[in-house]
């Protein structure tokens, strides 16, 4: 498909919001606050921001450059751009592209949880529950196969419908609306949280670095956690970013666009902490309570808050929107692959993906009830844990490493081609003098992240 027939985005704003929407998701708003709480608050935030710029930013510029130079999905880029060994690069691209499918088959279920809780707050079924019943309420929800599958299907079908409507009429238009609502809810919830009694103590924990935090957790653990969060929050390595680079023109440099995308992504993550930490400190909720922070701890906060039913509903609407923007973006990546490589029409690709992802998502949705005896890692592990491990600890870092290698070495696409594409257009230029850092230091960072996660998983 050539440039004259390929769909393109209607505006620069649409490109920035779509790409940021792909990055903005549960990694920012669910995972970031509880990881931040577990690893020392403000000191974690500072190290996270450092790695976001030094590691995440260059890889995002590279992935966008692959998409824009090839005008295709990430597999197509690995097929048409390399100087030699096209077949081998394509095979590697296909391997890491499967990360989109694996991501979807558990992310759709978790997104369904957010939608379910927004509906349950609206109906009033959570509001007013005593503290000792909030945890069992969540566990009973997970144990219900009908609810788990039902809300997963709402996510899959709704997102597929948005993509089927078209790139501009569906994906771009709906994402603009969703992102606008997300930002309005974000600022409204921040103001409400900061006005709670005792909110200042939570803000100090979140924003004032403390050496005691390092002593309690260990500097090495904080660094590893911050580096991992910075990389994973941007959804790099599997082509979810590259596909939107393929839809944008060459008016603006990719270094400039990447900074705006990362800035918006980071703003949402940081403000999510402004919502959560003052509320937790105000009502005496443990901030290092892990993944249960959202579904168990925060409902206890809302249930003690004046008007808590409605604030709880707005919070989970906010969470649902953040998750849905990522689901739509990754679905678009899968659909773009079918359109580019298999010449499917958009509607055919959308509904085939809808059916395939719905079926493949069933094990995760049933992993807390009918399939609860499947324990991939023993203990209380679930099918979701296995799928998350495959993507987060393996495909994402190794896929990101492949992007860097492909853009760095002459036998692949090469540094000169990457720099020329990245710096085409108006605005900030990616520095050519960063070549040694990008080609040597960043691969070592990513390899170190992967090996550290591997060691901690299997040997500690």
Protein backbone atom coordinates (compact mmCIF):
# COMPACT_ATOMS: atom_id res chain seq x y z
CA UNK A 1 0.00 0.00 0.00
CA UNK A 2 1.60 3.28 -1.09
CA UNK A 3 1.38 6.71 0.51
CA UNK A 4 -1.40 7.84 -1.85
CA UNK A 5 -3.84 5.12 -0.75
CA UNK A 6 -2.78 4.55 2.86
CA UNK A 7 -4.87 6.13 5.60
CA UNK A 8 -3.35 9.06 7.45
CA UNK A 9 -4.26 10.96 10.58
CA UNK A 10 -6.17 14.19 10.13
CA UNK A 11 -4.14 16.38 12.49
CA UNK A 12 -0.97 16.65 14.51
CA UNK A 13 -3.05 16.84 17.69
CA UNK A 14 -4.64 13.54 16.76
CA UNK A 15 -1.23 11.94 16.32
CA UNK A 16 0.04 13.19 19.69
CA UNK A 17 -3.10 12.20 21.57
CA UNK A 18 -3.28 8.79 19.90
CA UNK A 19 0.35 7.96 20.58
CA UNK A 20 0.17 9.32 24.11
CA UNK A 21 -3.08 7.39 24.59
CA UNK A 22 -1.26 4.19 23.68
CA UNK A 23 1.40 4.94 26.29
CA UNK A 24 -1.08 6.23 28.88
CA UNK A 25 -2.74 3.26 30.44
CA UNK A 26 -2.82 1.08 33.49
CA UNK A 27 0.98 1.16 33.61
CA UNK A 28 0.78 4.86 34.46
CA UNK A 29 -2.29 5.01 36.59
CA UNK A 30 -2.59 1.62 38.27
CA UNK A 31 0.97 0.30 38.34
CA UNK A 32 2.85 3.60 38.83
CA UNK A 33 1.20 4.65 42.14
CA UNK A 34 1.56 1.29 43.89
CA UNK A 35 5.14 0.78 42.62
CA UNK A 36 5.92 4.31 43.76
CA UNK A 37 4.39 3.56 47.17
CA UNK A 38 6.40 0.33 47.51
CA UNK A 39 9.72 1.93 46.52
CA UNK A 40 9.90 5.08 48.57
CA UNK A 41 7.72 7.77 47.03
CA UNK A 42 9.59 10.89 45.88
CA UNK A 43 13.00 9.25 45.51
CA UNK A 44 11.45 6.70 43.15
CA UNK A 45 9.79 9.49 41.14
CA UNK A 46 13.13 11.30 40.60
CA UNK A 47 14.93 8.17 39.42
CA UNK A 48 11.93 7.25 37.25
CA UNK A 49 12.02 10.64 35.50
CA UNK A 50 15.76 10.27 34.90
CA UNK A 51 15.31 6.93 33.14
CA UNK A 52 12.28 8.15 31.24
CA UNK A 53 14.42 10.76 29.48
CA UNK A 54 17.69 8.82 29.17
CA UNK A 55 16.18 5.47 28.18
CA UNK A 56 12.56 5.78 27.09
CA UNK A 57 12.90 8.95 25.00
CA UNK A 58 15.55 7.71 22.52
CA UNK A 59 13.76 4.38 21.99
CA UNK A 60 10.46 6.17 21.32
CA UNK A 61 12.12 8.38 18.68
CA UNK A 62 13.55 5.25 17.04
CA UNK A 63 10.26 3.36 16.96
CA UNK A 64 8.40 6.35 15.51
CA UNK A 65 11.15 6.71 12.89
CA UNK A 66 10.71 3.09 11.81
CA UNK A 67 7.00 3.64 11.25
CA UNK A 68 7.32 6.96 9.45
CA UNK A 69 10.18 5.85 7.18
CA UNK A 70 8.49 2.62 6.11
CA UNK A 71 4.86 3.87 6.12
CA UNK A 72 4.00 0.45 7.50
CA UNK A 73 3.57 -1.46 10.72
CA UNK A 74 6.64 -2.66 12.68
CA UNK A 75 6.81 -6.00 10.82
CA UNK A 76 6.62 -4.16 7.51
CA UNK A 77 9.37 -1.81 8.68
CA UNK A 78 11.65 -4.76 9.47
CA UNK A 79 10.84 -6.10 5.99
CA UNK A 80 11.43 -3.05 3.77
CA UNK A 81 14.07 -1.01 5.63
CA UNK A 82 17.05 -3.34 6.33
CA UNK A 83 20.07 -3.19 4.04
CA UNK A 84 20.42 -6.98 4.18
CA UNK A 85 18.93 -10.05 5.84
CA UNK A 86 15.34 -8.89 5.28
CA UNK A 87 13.86 -12.32 5.93
CA UNK A 88 15.61 -12.69 9.29
CA UNK A 89 14.60 -9.20 10.43
CA UNK A 90 11.01 -9.91 9.42
CA UNK A 91 11.00 -13.12 11.47
CA UNK A 92 12.29 -11.26 14.51
CA UNK A 93 9.72 -8.54 13.95
CA UNK A 94 6.92 -11.12 13.85
CA UNK A 95 8.19 -12.69 17.07
CA UNK A 96 7.99 -9.45 19.03
CA UNK A 97 4.83 -8.30 17.26
CA UNK A 98 3.03 -11.21 18.93
CA UNK A 99 3.46 -9.22 22.13
CA UNK A 100 0.46 -7.14 20.98
CA UNK A 101 -1.75 -10.23 20.97
CA UNK A 102 -0.53 -11.47 24.34
CA UNK A 103 -0.91 -7.98 25.81
CA UNK A 104 -4.49 -7.79 24.59
CA UNK A 105 -5.56 -11.15 25.98
CA UNK A 106 -4.97 -9.99 29.55
CA UNK A 107 -5.24 -6.21 29.23
CA UNK A 108 -8.84 -6.51 27.99
CA UNK A 109 -9.79 -8.36 31.19
CA UNK A 110 -8.16 -5.79 33.48
CA UNK A 111 -9.82 -2.99 31.50
CA UNK A 112 -13.10 -4.81 32.08
CA UNK A 113 -12.44 -4.63 35.84
CA UNK A 114 -12.21 -0.84 35.62
CA UNK A 115 -15.44 -0.59 33.62
CA UNK A 116 -17.15 -2.95 36.05
CA UNK A 117 -16.18 -0.88 39.09
CA UNK A 118 -17.34 2.33 37.41
CA UNK A 119 -20.73 0.65 36.83
CA UNK A 120 -20.85 -0.74 40.38
CA UNK A 121 -20.18 2.69 41.87
CA UNK A 122 -22.88 4.16 39.65
CA UNK A 123 -25.37 1.53 40.87
CA UNK A 124 -24.33 2.07 44.50
CA UNK A 125 -23.37 -1.57 45.12
CA UNK A 126 -19.92 -0.67 46.51
CA UNK A 127 -20.66 2.61 48.24
CA UNK A 128 -21.23 2.17 51.97
CA UNK A 129 -19.62 -1.25 52.28
CA UNK A 130 -17.76 -1.66 55.59
CA UNK A 131 -13.98 -1.94 55.25
CA UNK A 132 -13.90 -5.67 56.00
CA UNK A 133 -16.28 -6.39 53.08
CA UNK A 134 -14.51 -4.43 50.32
CA UNK A 135 -11.83 -7.08 49.76
CA UNK A 136 -14.32 -9.99 49.64
CA UNK A 137 -16.47 -7.92 47.23
CA UNK A 138 -13.57 -7.73 44.78
CA UNK A 139 -12.77 -11.42 45.22
CA UNK A 140 -16.40 -12.35 44.58
CA UNK A 141 -16.34 -10.28 41.41
CA UNK A 142 -13.23 -12.12 40.19
CA UNK A 143 -14.88 -15.46 41.05
CA UNK A 144 -17.86 -14.72 38.78
CA UNK A 145 -17.17 -16.10 35.27
CA UNK A 146 -20.23 -14.35 33.85
CA UNK A 147 -19.10 -10.90 35.00
CA UNK A 148 -15.45 -11.44 34.07
CA UNK A 149 -16.25 -12.63 30.55
CA UNK A 150 -19.04 -10.09 30.09
CA UNK A 151 -16.96 -7.01 30.90
CA UNK A 152 -14.04 -8.39 28.86
CA UNK A 153 -16.35 -8.73 25.84
CA UNK A 154 -17.64 -5.17 26.32
CA UNK A 155 -14.01 -3.99 26.12
CA UNK A 156 -13.14 -6.09 23.05
CA UNK A 157 -16.29 -5.36 21.04
CA UNK A 158 -16.34 -1.66 21.89
CA UNK A 159 -12.68 -1.15 20.96
CA UNK A 160 -13.08 -3.13 17.73
CA UNK A 161 -16.07 -1.00 16.77
CA UNK A 162 -14.03 2.19 17.22
CA UNK A 163 -11.29 0.81 14.94
CA UNK A 164 -13.79 -0.48 12.37
CA UNK A 165 -15.21 3.03 11.93
CA UNK A 166 -11.92 4.16 10.36
CA UNK A 167 -8.63 5.80 11.32
CA UNK A 168 -9.91 9.38 11.32
CA UNK A 169 -13.64 8.88 11.90
CA UNK A 170 -13.20 6.22 14.56
CA UNK A 171 -9.77 5.89 16.16
CA UNK A 172 -8.65 9.53 15.96
CA UNK A 173 -12.02 11.14 16.76
CA UNK A 174 -12.93 8.83 19.65
CA UNK A 175 -9.44 9.01 21.17
CA UNK A 176 -9.56 12.81 21.14
CA UNK A 177 -12.85 12.68 23.06
CA UNK A 178 -11.57 10.05 25.50
CA UNK A 179 -8.32 11.92 26.14
CA UNK A 180 -10.18 15.19 26.69
CA UNK A 181 -12.45 13.50 29.24
CA UNK A 182 -9.46 11.81 30.88
CA UNK A 183 -7.63 15.11 31.40
CA UNK A 184 -10.75 16.85 32.78
CA UNK A 185 -11.37 14.02 35.24
CA UNK A 186 -7.69 13.94 36.16
CA UNK A 187 -7.55 17.60 37.17
CA UNK A 188 -10.91 17.44 38.95
CA UNK A 189 -9.89 14.41 41.01
CA UNK A 190 -6.52 16.02 41.84
CA UNK A 191 -8.22 19.11 43.23
CA UNK A 192 -10.63 17.02 45.29
CA UNK A 193 -7.84 14.85 46.70
CA UNK A 194 -5.65 17.81 47.66
CA UNK A 195 -8.54 19.38 49.59
CA UNK A 196 -8.93 16.34 51.87
CA UNK A 197 -7.87 16.75 55.53
CA UNK A 198 -4.28 15.61 56.01
CA UNK A 199 -3.55 15.60 52.27
CA UNK A 200 -0.30 17.51 52.82
CA UNK A 201 1.37 14.52 54.45
CA UNK A 202 0.63 12.41 51.37
CA UNK A 203 2.01 15.10 49.06
CA UNK A 204 5.21 15.31 51.13
CA UNK A 205 5.70 11.55 50.87
CA UNK A 206 5.16 11.78 47.12
CA UNK A 207 7.11 14.95 46.30
CA UNK A 208 9.84 15.37 48.96
CA UNK A 209 12.80 12.98 48.48
CA UNK A 210 13.88 11.20 51.64
CA UNK A 211 17.09 9.28 52.30
CA UNK A 212 15.14 7.13 54.73
CA UNK A 213 13.19 5.74 51.77
CA UNK A 214 16.44 4.48 50.22
CA UNK A 215 17.53 2.93 53.49
CA UNK A 216 14.19 1.16 53.92
CA UNK A 217 13.96 -0.29 50.40
CA UNK A 218 17.55 -0.32 49.13
CA UNK A 219 18.94 1.94 46.40
CA UNK A 220 19.50 -0.91 43.93
CA UNK A 221 15.89 -2.06 44.23
CA UNK A 222 14.61 1.49 43.70
CA UNK A 223 16.80 1.92 40.59
CA UNK A 224 15.71 -1.38 39.03
CA UNK A 225 12.03 -0.67 39.70
CA UNK A 226 12.26 2.89 38.32
CA UNK A 227 14.14 1.78 35.19
CA UNK A 228 11.60 -0.95 34.52
CA UNK A 229 8.62 1.37 35.00
CA UNK A 230 10.13 4.05 32.73
CA UNK A 231 10.58 1.55 29.91
CA UNK A 232 7.30 -0.36 30.20
CA UNK A 233 5.05 2.68 30.66
CA UNK A 234 5.73 3.82 27.07
CA UNK A 235 4.66 0.52 25.43
CA UNK A 236 7.87 0.32 23.43
CA UNK A 237 9.24 -2.65 21.52
CA UNK A 238 6.16 -4.28 19.98
CA UNK A 239 5.19 -1.70 17.35
CA UNK A 240 2.29 -0.04 19.17
CA UNK A 241 4.10 3.30 18.82
CA UNK A 242 5.51 2.66 15.32
CA UNK A 243 2.07 2.24 13.76
CA UNK A 244 1.16 5.86 14.58
CA UNK A 245 4.49 7.04 13.20
CA UNK A 246 3.43 5.44 9.91
CA UNK A 247 0.27 7.58 9.82
CA UNK A 248 1.94 10.97 10.32
CA UNK A 249 3.56 13.33 7.80
CA UNK A 250 7.11 14.70 7.90
CA UNK A 251 6.26 18.27 8.89
CA UNK A 252 7.68 18.02 12.42
CA UNK A 253 10.81 16.31 13.73
CA UNK A 254 10.25 13.12 15.71
CA UNK A 255 12.44 14.29 18.58
CA UNK A 256 10.02 17.14 19.16
CA UNK A 257 6.94 14.95 18.83
CA UNK A 258 8.38 12.33 21.20
CA UNK A 259 9.01 14.91 23.91
CA UNK A 260 5.40 16.08 23.72
CA UNK A 261 4.10 12.49 23.88
CA UNK A 262 6.32 11.56 26.82
CA UNK A 263 5.49 14.85 28.55
CA UNK A 264 1.75 14.12 28.36
CA UNK A 265 2.27 10.50 29.42
CA UNK A 266 4.38 11.58 32.41
CA UNK A 267 1.93 14.32 33.42
CA UNK A 268 -0.87 11.77 33.68
CA UNK A 269 1.29 9.34 35.68
CA UNK A 270 2.46 12.01 38.12
CA UNK A 271 -1.01 13.48 38.62
CA UNK A 272 -2.39 9.99 39.27
CA UNK A 273 -0.10 9.98 42.30
CA UNK A 274 -1.48 13.36 43.35
CA UNK A 275 -4.94 11.77 43.37
CA UNK A 276 -3.99 8.63 45.25
CA UNK A 277 -1.35 9.51 47.88
CA UNK A 278 -3.13 12.43 49.61
CA UNK A 279 -6.31 10.31 49.73
CA UNK A 280 -4.45 7.34 51.22
CA UNK A 281 -2.69 9.42 53.88
CA UNK A 282 -5.88 11.32 54.68
CA UNK A 283 -7.73 8.09 55.51
CA UNK A 284 -4.83 6.04 56.86
CA UNK A 285 -4.58 3.61 53.93
CA UNK A 286 -1.30 1.73 53.43
CA UNK A 287 0.36 3.15 50.28
CA UNK A 288 2.53 0.08 49.67
CA UNK A 289 -0.42 -2.34 49.54
CA UNK A 290 0.48 -3.42 45.99
CA UNK A 291 -2.01 -4.06 43.15
CA UNK A 292 -4.90 -4.14 45.63
CA UNK A 293 -4.39 -0.40 46.18
CA UNK A 294 -6.93 0.41 43.44
CA UNK A 295 -9.62 -2.20 44.05
CA UNK A 296 -9.46 -2.66 47.82
CA UNK A 297 -7.72 0.27 49.50
CA UNK A 298 -9.14 3.16 47.46
CA UNK A 299 -12.78 2.01 47.69
CA UNK A 300 -12.37 2.23 51.47
CA UNK A 301 -11.24 5.83 50.96
CA UNK A 302 -14.23 6.68 48.76
CA UNK A 303 -16.65 4.98 51.17
CA UNK A 304 -15.53 7.32 53.96
CA UNK A 305 -15.55 10.44 51.79
CA UNK A 306 -18.49 12.83 51.48
CA UNK A 307 -20.06 12.10 48.11
CA UNK A 308 -17.74 9.11 47.86
CA UNK A 309 -20.07 7.12 45.61
CA UNK A 310 -19.79 9.72 42.86
CA UNK A 311 -16.07 10.37 43.37
CA UNK A 312 -15.50 6.63 43.20
CA UNK A 313 -17.49 6.40 39.98
CA UNK A 314 -15.53 9.29 38.43
CA UNK A 315 -12.24 7.73 39.47
CA UNK A 316 -13.04 4.40 37.82
CA UNK A 317 -14.41 6.15 34.72
CA UNK A 318 -11.02 7.88 34.60
CA UNK A 319 -9.26 4.52 34.96
CA UNK A 320 -11.48 2.97 32.28
CA UNK A 321 -10.69 5.72 29.79
CA UNK A 322 -6.95 5.39 30.41
CA UNK A 323 -7.13 1.64 29.80
CA UNK A 324 -9.40 1.92 26.76
CA UNK A 325 -7.09 4.34 24.95
CA UNK A 326 -4.36 1.71 25.15
CA UNK A 327 -6.68 -1.10 24.03
CA UNK A 328 -7.83 0.92 21.00
CA UNK A 329 -4.24 1.81 20.10
CA UNK A 330 -2.99 -1.78 20.28
CA UNK A 331 -6.01 -3.01 18.32
CA UNK A 332 -5.10 -0.44 15.67
CA UNK A 333 -1.60 -1.91 15.53
CA UNK A 334 -3.03 -5.40 14.91
CA UNK A 335 -5.46 -4.07 12.31
CA UNK A 336 -2.73 -2.02 10.61
CA UNK A 337 -0.67 -5.21 10.26
CA UNK A 338 -3.54 -7.02 8.53
CA UNK A 339 -4.17 -4.08 6.20
CA UNK A 340 -0.48 -3.65 5.28
CA UNK A 341 0.66 -7.26 5.07
CA UNK A 342 -2.47 -9.22 4.13
CA UNK A 343 -4.37 -6.47 2.23
CA UNK A 344 -7.52 -6.88 4.33
CA UNK A 345 -10.12 -4.14 4.42
CA UNK A 346 -10.26 -2.25 7.70
CA UNK A 347 -13.65 -3.61 8.70
CA UNK A 348 -12.70 -7.20 7.94
CA UNK A 349 -9.46 -6.83 9.91
CA UNK A 350 -11.31 -5.22 12.84
CA UNK A 351 -13.91 -7.94 13.24
CA UNK A 352 -11.46 -10.81 12.72
CA UNK A 353 -9.31 -9.31 15.48
CA UNK A 354 -12.39 -8.88 17.64
CA UNK A 355 -13.26 -12.58 17.37
CA UNK A 356 -9.69 -13.83 17.81
CA UNK A 357 -8.88 -11.63 20.82
CA UNK A 358 -12.22 -12.42 22.47
CA UNK A 359 -11.55 -16.17 22.27
CA UNK A 360 -7.89 -15.88 23.32
CA UNK A 361 -8.87 -13.67 26.28
CA UNK A 362 -11.14 -16.29 27.80
CA UNK A 363 -8.41 -18.16 29.77
CA UNK A 364 -7.41 -14.93 31.54
CA UNK A 365 -11.03 -13.96 32.26
CA UNK A 366 -11.69 -17.45 33.63
CA UNK A 367 -8.37 -17.72 35.45
CA UNK A 368 -9.87 -16.45 38.71
CA UNK A 369 -12.83 -18.81 38.70
CA UNK A 370 -13.31 -21.83 36.41
CA UNK A 371 -9.58 -22.11 35.68
CA UNK A 372 -8.35 -20.97 39.09
CA UNK A 373 -6.48 -24.24 39.67
CA UNK A 374 -4.02 -23.37 36.90
CA UNK A 375 -1.06 -21.85 38.79
CA UNK A 376 1.77 -21.16 36.29
CA UNK A 377 4.24 -20.02 38.96
CA UNK A 378 2.73 -21.91 41.89
CA UNK A 379 1.28 -20.22 44.97
CA UNK A 380 -1.47 -17.73 44.13
CA UNK A 381 -0.27 -17.02 40.57
CA UNK A 382 -2.82 -16.88 37.76
CA UNK A 383 -2.97 -17.11 33.98
CA UNK A 384 -2.85 -13.30 33.92
CA UNK A 385 0.48 -13.39 35.80
CA UNK A 386 1.95 -15.69 33.16
CA UNK A 387 0.74 -13.55 30.25
CA UNK A 388 1.94 -10.36 31.96
CA UNK A 389 5.33 -11.97 32.63
CA UNK A 390 5.77 -12.99 28.99
CA UNK A 391 5.07 -9.46 27.76
CA UNK A 392 6.44 -7.20 30.50
CA UNK A 393 9.57 -9.11 31.46
CA UNK A 394 10.49 -10.58 28.09
CA UNK A 395 8.88 -9.29 24.88
CA UNK A 396 8.89 -5.57 25.73
CA UNK A 397 12.56 -5.25 26.79
CA UNK A 398 13.85 -7.59 24.07
CA UNK A 399 11.65 -5.92 21.45
CA UNK A 400 13.00 -2.53 22.55
CA UNK A 401 16.55 -3.89 22.31
CA UNK A 402 15.82 -5.03 18.74
CA UNK A 403 14.57 -1.53 17.82
CA UNK A 404 17.81 0.03 19.10
CA UNK A 405 20.04 -2.49 17.32
CA UNK A 406 18.09 -2.14 14.07
CA UNK A 407 18.42 1.67 14.10
CA UNK A 408 22.05 1.67 15.21
CA UNK A 409 23.99 -0.65 12.94
CA UNK A 410 24.73 -0.38 9.24
CA UNK A 411 23.95 -4.05 8.53
CA UNK A 412 20.35 -3.33 9.55
CA UNK A 413 18.76 0.07 8.88
CA UNK A 414 21.67 2.07 10.26
CA UNK A 415 22.33 5.18 12.32
CA UNK A 416 22.57 7.55 9.33
CA UNK A 417 19.15 6.52 8.01
CA UNK A 418 17.63 6.78 11.47
CA UNK A 419 19.05 10.27 12.12
CA UNK A 420 17.91 11.51 8.71
CA UNK A 421 14.34 10.31 9.30
CA UNK A 422 14.14 11.44 12.94
CA UNK A 423 15.35 14.96 12.13
CA UNK A 424 13.20 15.52 9.06
CA UNK A 425 10.77 18.35 9.74
CA UNK A 426 10.64 21.44 11.92
CA UNK A 427 11.64 21.46 15.55
CA UNK A 428 14.07 19.85 17.95
CA UNK A 429 16.71 17.60 16.37
CA UNK A 430 17.92 14.32 17.81
CA UNK A 431 21.67 14.84 18.53
CA UNK A 432 23.99 12.96 16.20
CA UNK A 433 26.67 13.06 18.94
CA UNK A 434 24.50 10.73 21.03
CA UNK A 435 25.43 7.83 18.74
CA UNK A 436 27.77 6.08 21.20
CA UNK A 437 25.30 6.45 24.04
CA UNK A 438 22.39 5.12 21.98
CA UNK A 439 24.31 2.30 20.27
CA UNK A 440 26.22 1.06 23.33
CA UNK A 441 24.87 2.37 26.63
CA UNK A 442 21.15 1.94 25.95
CA UNK A 443 21.49 -1.70 24.80
CA UNK A 444 23.44 -2.39 28.00
CA UNK A 445 20.69 -0.72 30.06
CA UNK A 446 17.96 -2.78 28.40
CA UNK A 447 19.95 -6.01 28.57
CA UNK A 448 20.66 -5.31 32.24
CA UNK A 449 16.97 -4.70 32.92
CA UNK A 450 16.04 -7.96 31.22
CA UNK A 451 18.68 -10.05 32.98
CA UNK A 452 17.91 -8.49 36.36
CA UNK A 453 14.20 -9.26 35.99
CA UNK A 454 15.08 -12.80 34.88
CA UNK A 455 17.35 -13.34 37.88
CA UNK A 456 14.85 -11.92 40.37
CA UNK A 457 12.06 -14.08 38.94
CA UNK A 458 13.85 -17.40 38.93
CA UNK A 459 16.77 -17.22 41.36
CA UNK A 460 15.66 -15.06 44.31
